[in-house]
Amino acid sequence: MNRFPTWICFVLAICWHVDVLSQTLGGNAVFNFLDHPAGARTAALGGVNVSAIQKDVSMAFQNPALLRSTQHAQISSSFHSWIAGIQNYSLSFANRLSSSGWMQGWGLNYFSYGNLTQTDAAGNILGQFKPVDYVVQTQISKVYHEKFNWGLTAKFIHSSYGMYRSSGLAFDVGVNYFDSAAGWQAAVVVKNMGFQLASYVAGGMREELPFDVQAGISKKLANAPFQFSITARQLHRFNTVYNDTSFRASEGELNYTQVDFIQKIFSHITIGMQVYPHEKLELMAGYSFRRRSELNVFNQVVGLNGFTAGAALLLKKMHISYSTGFFQRNMFHSVSILVNWNGKM
């Protein structure tokens, strides 16, 4: 146990070094599709959750330390229908490596944006193209001193937008703590440490990846069927609020206020709740303060921006999850099917 704090400090020091020297602190990173959830359960919990330990191998997309032995022989397939006709498909599975204690996982997350019209600078139609993004990843994880689990993810990333194509390589490192007696779970994960292998334009400058430091805690109540989670993202920088005052003024919002300290704090936070009213049913809800803030538009009904919800049917041989959320007047829909090739969840 004495080496663990030193190991954590070493990882964080490396992450700080990488962040300062090579990673973006703004919103101009490439491959931002990496931030999207790969499973319906994660989507229902606000889109991000790095601490909740589940019998759901798709959660390992969020944090490789969530890859656990209880997910051995699991296969998860998901379909997400986002706004503007964007389709997202994901697949993940896991396997325990003999008796060594190591878990290994694989995953694919694929985005299709439909067929778009290709034109030249004068507006002449040249045909159509189909832009796509995808990431292929492999993961390993292992228990450390019973209550800790650590994991590593290696990702190959690719984007294709007609004649413009780019690929990259990235790594995630995560640590998860679990106290089964008290129901506490906690985690820290450093995501998307890496670089472009090739830029979109031949000979062009390579761009930065969406580096992120995330941390979270989850607590399952001992005498009630509830679990609560709080996840913080972008911990390597304080102010993550997008505040275009010129645009707001052009839209007629003349009495806007500057971003205050509290708003800067809550822009990092996503909260989630899971309820188990029956052994075969799970209900989920989430709220992202950042999504709420960024989707609110002056002189428009804000409605349920930032809220997400979902449910899971926990059958003996299959788990089926559904989630939805609100983007102003639009909603997304996600469905995940989880099975175990050994026949029993």
Protein backbone atom coordinates (compact mmCIF):
# COMPACT_ATOMS: atom_id res chain seq x y z
CA MET A 1 0.00 0.00 0.00
CA ASN A 2 2.87 2.42 0.60
CA ARG A 3 3.74 2.58 -3.08
CA PHE A 4 0.25 3.49 -4.27
CA PRO A 5 0.25 7.22 -3.40
CA THR A 6 3.67 7.58 -5.05
CA TRP A 7 2.36 5.87 -8.17
CA ILE A 8 -0.64 8.21 -8.30
CA CYS A 9 1.57 11.29 -7.92
CA PHE A 10 3.85 10.01 -10.69
CA VAL A 11 0.93 9.55 -13.11
CA LEU A 12 -0.52 12.98 -12.32
CA ALA A 13 2.88 14.60 -12.80
CA ILE A 14 3.19 13.02 -16.24
CA CYS A 15 -0.32 14.15 -17.12
CA TRP A 16 0.43 17.71 -16.05
CA HIS A 17 3.59 17.68 -18.15
CA VAL A 18 1.73 16.37 -21.20
CA ASP A 19 -1.05 18.90 -20.71
CA VAL A 20 1.28 21.88 -20.44
CA LEU A 21 3.44 20.94 -23.40
CA SER A 22 1.11 19.44 -25.94
CA GLN A 23 -2.58 19.32 -25.09
CA THR A 24 -5.25 21.89 -25.81
CA LEU A 25 -6.80 24.07 -23.13
CA GLY A 26 -9.53 25.36 -25.42
CA GLY A 27 -12.27 23.94 -27.63
CA ASN A 28 -10.15 23.44 -30.76
CA ALA A 29 -9.07 19.83 -30.26
CA VAL A 30 -9.64 17.19 -32.92
CA PHE A 31 -11.55 13.92 -32.42
CA ASN A 32 -14.07 15.43 -29.98
CA PHE A 33 -16.40 12.50 -30.65
CA LEU A 34 -14.28 10.66 -28.05
CA ASP A 35 -16.27 12.50 -25.36
CA HIS A 36 -19.54 10.81 -26.29
CA PRO A 37 -20.81 7.89 -24.19
CA ALA A 38 -20.56 4.43 -25.72
CA GLY A 39 -23.46 2.84 -23.80
CA ALA A 40 -27.04 3.69 -22.86
CA ARG A 41 -26.31 3.46 -19.12
CA THR A 42 -23.58 6.11 -19.32
CA ALA A 43 -25.76 8.31 -21.53
CA ALA A 44 -28.59 8.11 -18.97
CA LEU A 45 -26.25 9.15 -16.15
CA GLY A 46 -25.48 12.51 -17.77
CA GLY A 47 -23.03 11.33 -20.43
CA VAL A 48 -20.03 10.75 -18.17
CA ASN A 49 -19.40 8.53 -15.15
CA VAL A 50 -15.95 7.21 -14.22
CA SER A 51 -16.63 5.73 -10.76
CA ALA A 52 -19.79 3.56 -10.78
CA ILE A 53 -18.85 -0.12 -10.82
CA GLN A 54 -21.39 -2.05 -12.91
CA LYS A 55 -21.83 -5.40 -14.59
CA ASP A 56 -21.62 -3.52 -17.87
CA VAL A 57 -18.50 -3.76 -20.00
CA SER A 58 -19.44 -0.60 -21.97
CA MET A 59 -18.67 1.46 -18.83
CA ALA A 60 -14.98 0.70 -19.43
CA PHE A 61 -15.09 3.23 -22.29
CA GLN A 62 -15.32 5.85 -19.54
CA ASN A 63 -12.52 4.49 -17.37
CA PRO A 64 -10.40 1.38 -18.05
CA ALA A 65 -10.30 0.73 -14.28
CA LEU A 66 -14.05 -0.07 -14.49
CA LEU A 67 -13.14 -3.22 -16.42
CA ARG A 68 -13.79 -5.84 -13.71
CA SER A 69 -13.78 -9.62 -13.40
CA THR A 70 -17.61 -9.59 -13.14
CA GLN A 71 -17.66 -8.53 -16.80
CA HIS A 72 -15.85 -11.67 -17.98
CA ALA A 73 -17.33 -12.98 -21.27
CA GLN A 74 -19.65 -9.99 -21.68
CA ILE A 75 -20.54 -8.47 -25.04
CA SER A 76 -22.26 -5.09 -25.26
CA SER A 77 -23.71 -3.61 -28.43
CA SER A 78 -25.27 -0.14 -28.52
CA PHE A 79 -27.09 2.10 -30.95
CA HIS A 80 -27.39 5.86 -30.43
CA SER A 81 -29.54 8.19 -32.51
CA TRP A 82 -28.25 11.71 -31.96
CA ILE A 83 -29.60 14.98 -33.27
CA ALA A 84 -29.43 15.93 -36.97
CA GLY A 85 -29.58 12.29 -38.05
CA ILE A 86 -26.19 11.34 -36.58
CA GLN A 87 -25.96 7.58 -36.00
CA ASN A 88 -23.58 6.02 -33.50
CA TYR A 89 -22.82 2.30 -33.08
CA SER A 90 -20.60 0.78 -30.42
CA LEU A 91 -19.41 -2.70 -29.54
CA SER A 92 -17.35 -3.88 -26.59
CA PHE A 93 -16.42 -7.18 -24.95
CA ALA A 94 -14.16 -8.44 -22.18
CA ASN A 95 -12.28 -11.56 -21.18
CA ARG A 96 -10.37 -12.69 -18.10
CA LEU A 97 -6.84 -13.86 -18.87
CA SER A 98 -6.61 -17.28 -17.19
CA SER A 99 -5.82 -17.07 -13.45
CA SER A 100 -3.39 -14.14 -13.64
CA GLY A 101 -5.97 -11.64 -12.46
CA TRP A 102 -5.69 -9.54 -15.62
CA MET A 103 -8.79 -8.46 -17.52
CA GLN A 104 -8.64 -7.56 -21.19
CA GLY A 105 -11.25 -5.65 -23.16
CA TRP A 106 -11.82 -4.47 -26.72
CA GLY A 107 -14.11 -1.80 -28.07
CA LEU A 108 -15.31 0.01 -31.16
CA ASN A 109 -17.23 3.29 -31.28
CA TYR A 110 -18.37 4.36 -34.77
CA PHE A 111 -20.15 7.56 -35.88
CA SER A 112 -21.92 8.04 -39.21
CA TYR A 113 -23.13 11.50 -40.27
CA GLY A 114 -25.11 10.43 -43.33
CA ASN A 115 -24.60 11.43 -46.95
CA LEU A 116 -23.63 15.06 -47.50
CA THR A 117 -23.46 17.05 -50.71
CA GLN A 118 -19.94 17.91 -51.85
CA THR A 119 -19.45 21.26 -53.59
CA ASP A 120 -16.59 23.42 -54.77
CA ALA A 121 -15.88 26.98 -53.64
CA ALA A 122 -18.37 28.35 -56.19
CA GLY A 123 -21.17 26.11 -54.96
CA ASN A 124 -21.10 23.66 -57.86
CA ILE A 125 -22.23 20.18 -56.81
CA LEU A 126 -19.49 17.60 -57.26
CA GLY A 127 -21.26 14.64 -55.73
CA GLN A 128 -21.76 13.25 -52.27
CA PHE A 129 -19.54 12.01 -49.46
CA LYS A 130 -20.14 10.18 -46.19
CA PRO A 131 -18.17 11.50 -43.21
CA VAL A 132 -17.37 9.02 -40.43
CA ASP A 133 -15.45 8.91 -37.16
CA TYR A 134 -14.40 5.85 -35.22
CA VAL A 135 -12.14 4.67 -32.44
CA VAL A 136 -10.85 1.13 -31.90
CA GLN A 137 -9.41 0.39 -28.48
CA THR A 138 -7.93 -2.34 -26.33
CA GLN A 139 -7.76 -2.31 -22.54
CA ILE A 140 -6.21 -4.07 -19.61
CA SER A 141 -6.99 -3.84 -15.91
CA LYS A 142 -6.02 -5.54 -12.68
CA VAL A 143 -6.90 -5.48 -9.00
CA TYR A 144 -4.36 -3.79 -6.72
CA HIS A 145 -4.44 -4.54 -2.97
CA GLU A 146 -8.06 -5.73 -3.02
CA LYS A 147 -9.85 -2.36 -2.97
CA PHE A 148 -8.11 -0.74 -5.92
CA ASN A 149 -8.34 -1.45 -9.62
CA TRP A 150 -6.18 0.20 -12.25
CA GLY A 151 -6.50 0.14 -16.00
CA LEU A 152 -4.94 1.28 -19.25
CA THR A 153 -6.57 1.92 -22.64
CA ALA A 154 -4.82 2.24 -26.01
CA LYS A 155 -6.86 3.82 -28.83
CA PHE A 156 -6.54 4.08 -32.57
CA ILE A 157 -8.65 7.01 -33.81
CA HIS A 158 -9.72 7.79 -37.36
CA SER A 159 -11.81 10.47 -39.08
CA SER A 160 -12.78 10.55 -42.76
CA TYR A 161 -14.53 13.60 -44.22
CA GLY A 162 -14.41 13.07 -47.97
CA MET A 163 -10.91 13.93 -49.17
CA TYR A 164 -9.86 15.00 -45.65
CA ARG A 165 -8.69 12.19 -43.40
CA SER A 166 -6.84 11.99 -40.13
CA SER A 167 -5.82 9.36 -37.61
CA GLY A 168 -4.38 9.42 -34.12
CA LEU A 169 -3.16 7.39 -31.18
CA ALA A 170 -4.22 8.00 -27.58
CA PHE A 171 -4.06 6.44 -24.12
CA ASP A 172 -6.24 6.54 -20.99
CA VAL A 173 -5.00 5.68 -17.49
CA GLY A 174 -7.44 5.17 -14.63
CA VAL A 175 -7.64 4.10 -11.01
CA ASN A 176 -10.77 2.98 -9.19
CA TYR A 177 -11.36 2.45 -5.46
CA PHE A 178 -14.18 0.27 -4.10
CA ASP A 179 -15.25 -0.26 -0.48
CA SER A 180 -17.91 -2.96 -0.72
CA ALA A 181 -18.84 -2.72 2.96
CA ALA A 182 -19.58 1.01 2.85
CA GLY A 183 -20.76 1.14 -0.77
CA TRP A 184 -18.23 3.83 -1.73
CA GLN A 185 -16.63 3.96 -5.17
CA ALA A 186 -14.12 6.59 -6.32
CA ALA A 187 -12.01 7.04 -9.42
CA VAL A 188 -9.52 9.23 -11.25
CA VAL A 189 -8.87 8.88 -14.97
CA VAL A 190 -6.61 10.77 -17.39
CA LYS A 191 -7.97 10.56 -20.92
CA ASN A 192 -6.76 11.09 -24.47
CA MET A 193 -3.03 11.46 -23.90
CA GLY A 194 -1.69 11.17 -27.42
CA PHE A 195 -1.18 12.76 -30.81
CA GLN A 196 -2.28 12.81 -34.44
CA LEU A 197 -0.53 10.28 -36.63
CA ALA A 198 -1.60 12.21 -39.72
CA SER A 199 -3.27 15.60 -40.10
CA TYR A 200 -6.29 16.25 -42.31
CA VAL A 201 -4.15 18.04 -44.89
CA ALA A 202 -0.95 16.46 -46.19
CA GLY A 203 1.98 18.26 -44.64
CA GLY A 204 -0.33 20.26 -42.37
CA MET A 205 0.24 21.05 -38.73
CA ARG A 206 -0.82 18.32 -36.34
CA GLU A 207 -3.60 19.31 -33.97
CA GLU A 208 -4.21 18.51 -30.33
CA LEU A 209 -6.39 15.79 -28.83
CA PRO A 210 -9.22 16.44 -26.31
CA PHE A 211 -7.10 15.82 -23.22
CA ASP A 212 -9.15 15.48 -20.03
CA VAL A 213 -8.66 14.74 -16.34
CA GLN A 214 -11.79 13.36 -14.69
CA ALA A 215 -12.65 12.22 -11.18
CA GLY A 216 -15.79 10.88 -9.59
CA ILE A 217 -17.40 9.29 -6.57
CA SER A 218 -20.40 6.98 -6.30
CA LYS A 219 -22.25 5.88 -3.17
CA LYS A 220 -24.70 3.01 -2.91
CA LEU A 221 -27.01 3.38 0.07
CA ALA A 222 -26.98 0.50 2.52
CA ASN A 223 -30.68 0.50 3.40
CA ALA A 224 -32.30 1.89 0.28
CA PRO A 225 -32.19 0.92 -3.43
CA PHE A 226 -30.34 4.06 -4.53
CA GLN A 227 -26.91 4.89 -5.87
CA PHE A 228 -25.69 8.46 -6.43
CA SER A 229 -22.72 9.67 -8.47
CA ILE A 230 -20.85 12.94 -8.93
CA THR A 231 -18.34 13.25 -11.76
CA ALA A 232 -16.04 16.19 -12.47
CA ARG A 233 -14.36 16.69 -15.83
CA GLN A 234 -11.74 19.09 -17.23
CA LEU A 235 -9.99 19.24 -13.85
CA HIS A 236 -6.75 20.41 -15.44
CA ARG A 237 -8.25 23.86 -16.04
CA PHE A 238 -10.63 25.93 -13.96
CA ASN A 239 -12.69 28.00 -16.42
CA THR A 240 -14.49 25.76 -18.95
CA VAL A 241 -17.48 28.04 -19.58
CA TYR A 242 -18.05 29.15 -23.16
CA ASN A 243 -19.16 32.79 -23.03
CA ASP A 244 -19.25 34.59 -26.41
CA THR A 245 -20.38 38.06 -25.32
CA SER A 246 -20.32 39.44 -28.88
CA PHE A 247 -22.67 36.73 -30.12
CA ARG A 248 -25.00 37.19 -27.15
CA ALA A 249 -25.17 40.92 -27.79
CA SER A 250 -25.90 40.35 -31.50
CA GLU A 251 -28.83 38.12 -30.51
CA GLY A 252 -30.32 40.92 -28.41
CA GLU A 253 -29.16 39.80 -24.97
CA LEU A 254 -27.88 43.12 -23.70
CA ASN A 255 -28.22 42.54 -19.94
CA TYR A 256 -26.12 39.40 -19.69
CA THR A 257 -23.84 38.91 -16.71
CA GLN A 258 -20.25 37.76 -16.70
CA VAL A 259 -19.44 34.20 -15.73
CA ASP A 260 -19.13 34.01 -11.95
CA PHE A 261 -17.11 31.73 -9.69
CA ILE A 262 -20.02 29.37 -8.91
CA GLN A 263 -20.81 28.87 -12.59
CA LYS A 264 -17.18 28.02 -13.28
CA ILE A 265 -17.28 25.39 -10.51
CA PHE A 266 -20.50 23.74 -11.62
CA SER A 267 -19.50 23.68 -15.29
CA HIS A 268 -17.25 20.74 -14.36
CA ILE A 269 -19.99 18.73 -12.62
CA THR A 270 -22.30 15.96 -13.81
CA ILE A 271 -24.57 14.16 -11.35
CA GLY A 272 -26.28 10.81 -11.72
CA MET A 273 -28.73 8.61 -9.84
CA GLN A 274 -29.64 4.94 -10.11
CA VAL A 275 -32.72 3.39 -8.52
CA TYR A 276 -33.40 -0.36 -8.18
CA PRO A 277 -37.14 -0.75 -7.45
CA HIS A 278 -36.93 -4.44 -8.40
CA GLU A 279 -34.12 -6.92 -8.92
CA LYS A 280 -34.89 -6.94 -12.64
CA LEU A 281 -35.34 -3.21 -13.11
CA GLU A 282 -32.99 -0.23 -12.92
CA LEU A 283 -34.02 3.41 -13.36
CA MET A 284 -31.43 6.10 -14.12
CA ALA A 285 -31.26 9.88 -14.33
CA GLY A 286 -28.52 12.46 -14.84
CA TYR A 287 -27.90 16.17 -15.09
CA SER A 288 -25.02 17.99 -16.76
CA PHE A 289 -24.58 21.60 -15.66
CA ARG A 290 -22.25 22.28 -18.57
CA ARG A 291 -24.68 20.95 -21.18
CA ARG A 292 -27.46 23.00 -19.61
CA SER A 293 -25.40 26.17 -19.80
CA GLU A 294 -24.17 25.63 -23.35
CA LEU A 295 -27.60 24.74 -24.78
CA ASN A 296 -29.50 27.61 -23.20
CA VAL A 297 -30.29 30.27 -25.79
CA PHE A 298 -31.44 33.81 -25.09
CA ASN A 299 -35.21 34.34 -25.41
CA GLN A 300 -35.85 30.61 -25.89
CA VAL A 301 -37.55 28.10 -23.62
CA VAL A 302 -34.74 26.15 -21.94
CA GLY A 303 -37.01 23.27 -20.94
CA LEU A 304 -35.12 20.16 -19.83
CA ASN A 305 -31.72 20.99 -21.30
CA GLY A 306 -29.03 19.04 -19.46
CA PHE A 307 -31.33 16.31 -18.16
CA THR A 308 -31.01 12.65 -19.15
CA ALA A 309 -32.94 9.56 -18.10
CA GLY A 310 -33.12 5.86 -18.79
CA ALA A 311 -34.12 2.40 -17.67
CA ALA A 312 -32.63 -1.09 -17.82
CA LEU A 313 -34.35 -4.46 -17.86
CA LEU A 314 -32.06 -6.91 -16.04
CA LEU A 315 -32.94 -10.37 -17.31
CA LYS A 316 -31.09 -13.56 -16.42
CA LYS A 317 -29.37 -13.90 -19.79
CA MET A 318 -29.61 -10.37 -21.16
CA HIS A 319 -29.66 -6.75 -20.00
CA ILE A 320 -31.50 -4.22 -22.18
CA SER A 321 -30.95 -0.50 -21.49
CA TYR A 322 -32.57 2.59 -22.94
CA SER A 323 -31.75 6.26 -22.40
CA THR A 324 -32.80 9.65 -23.70
CA GLY A 325 -31.91 13.27 -23.13
CA PHE A 326 -32.76 16.76 -24.20
CA PHE A 327 -31.01 19.15 -26.61
CA GLN A 328 -33.34 22.16 -26.62
CA ARG A 329 -36.27 20.91 -28.73
CA ASN A 330 -34.56 17.68 -29.78
CA MET A 331 -33.96 14.40 -27.99
CA PHE A 332 -31.44 11.62 -28.44
CA HIS A 333 -32.18 7.92 -28.04
CA SER A 334 -29.79 5.14 -27.00
CA VAL A 335 -30.32 1.40 -26.74
CA SER A 336 -27.80 -1.14 -25.42
CA ILE A 337 -28.00 -4.92 -25.31
CA LEU A 338 -25.66 -6.76 -22.98
CA VAL A 339 -25.16 -10.54 -23.07
CA ASN A 340 -22.66 -13.04 -21.72
CA TRP A 341 -21.34 -15.71 -24.06
CA ASN A 342 -21.22 -18.15 -21.14
CA GLY A 343 -25.01 -17.87 -21.05
CA LYS A 344 -25.70 -16.11 -17.73
CA MET A 345 -25.23 -12.51 -16.68
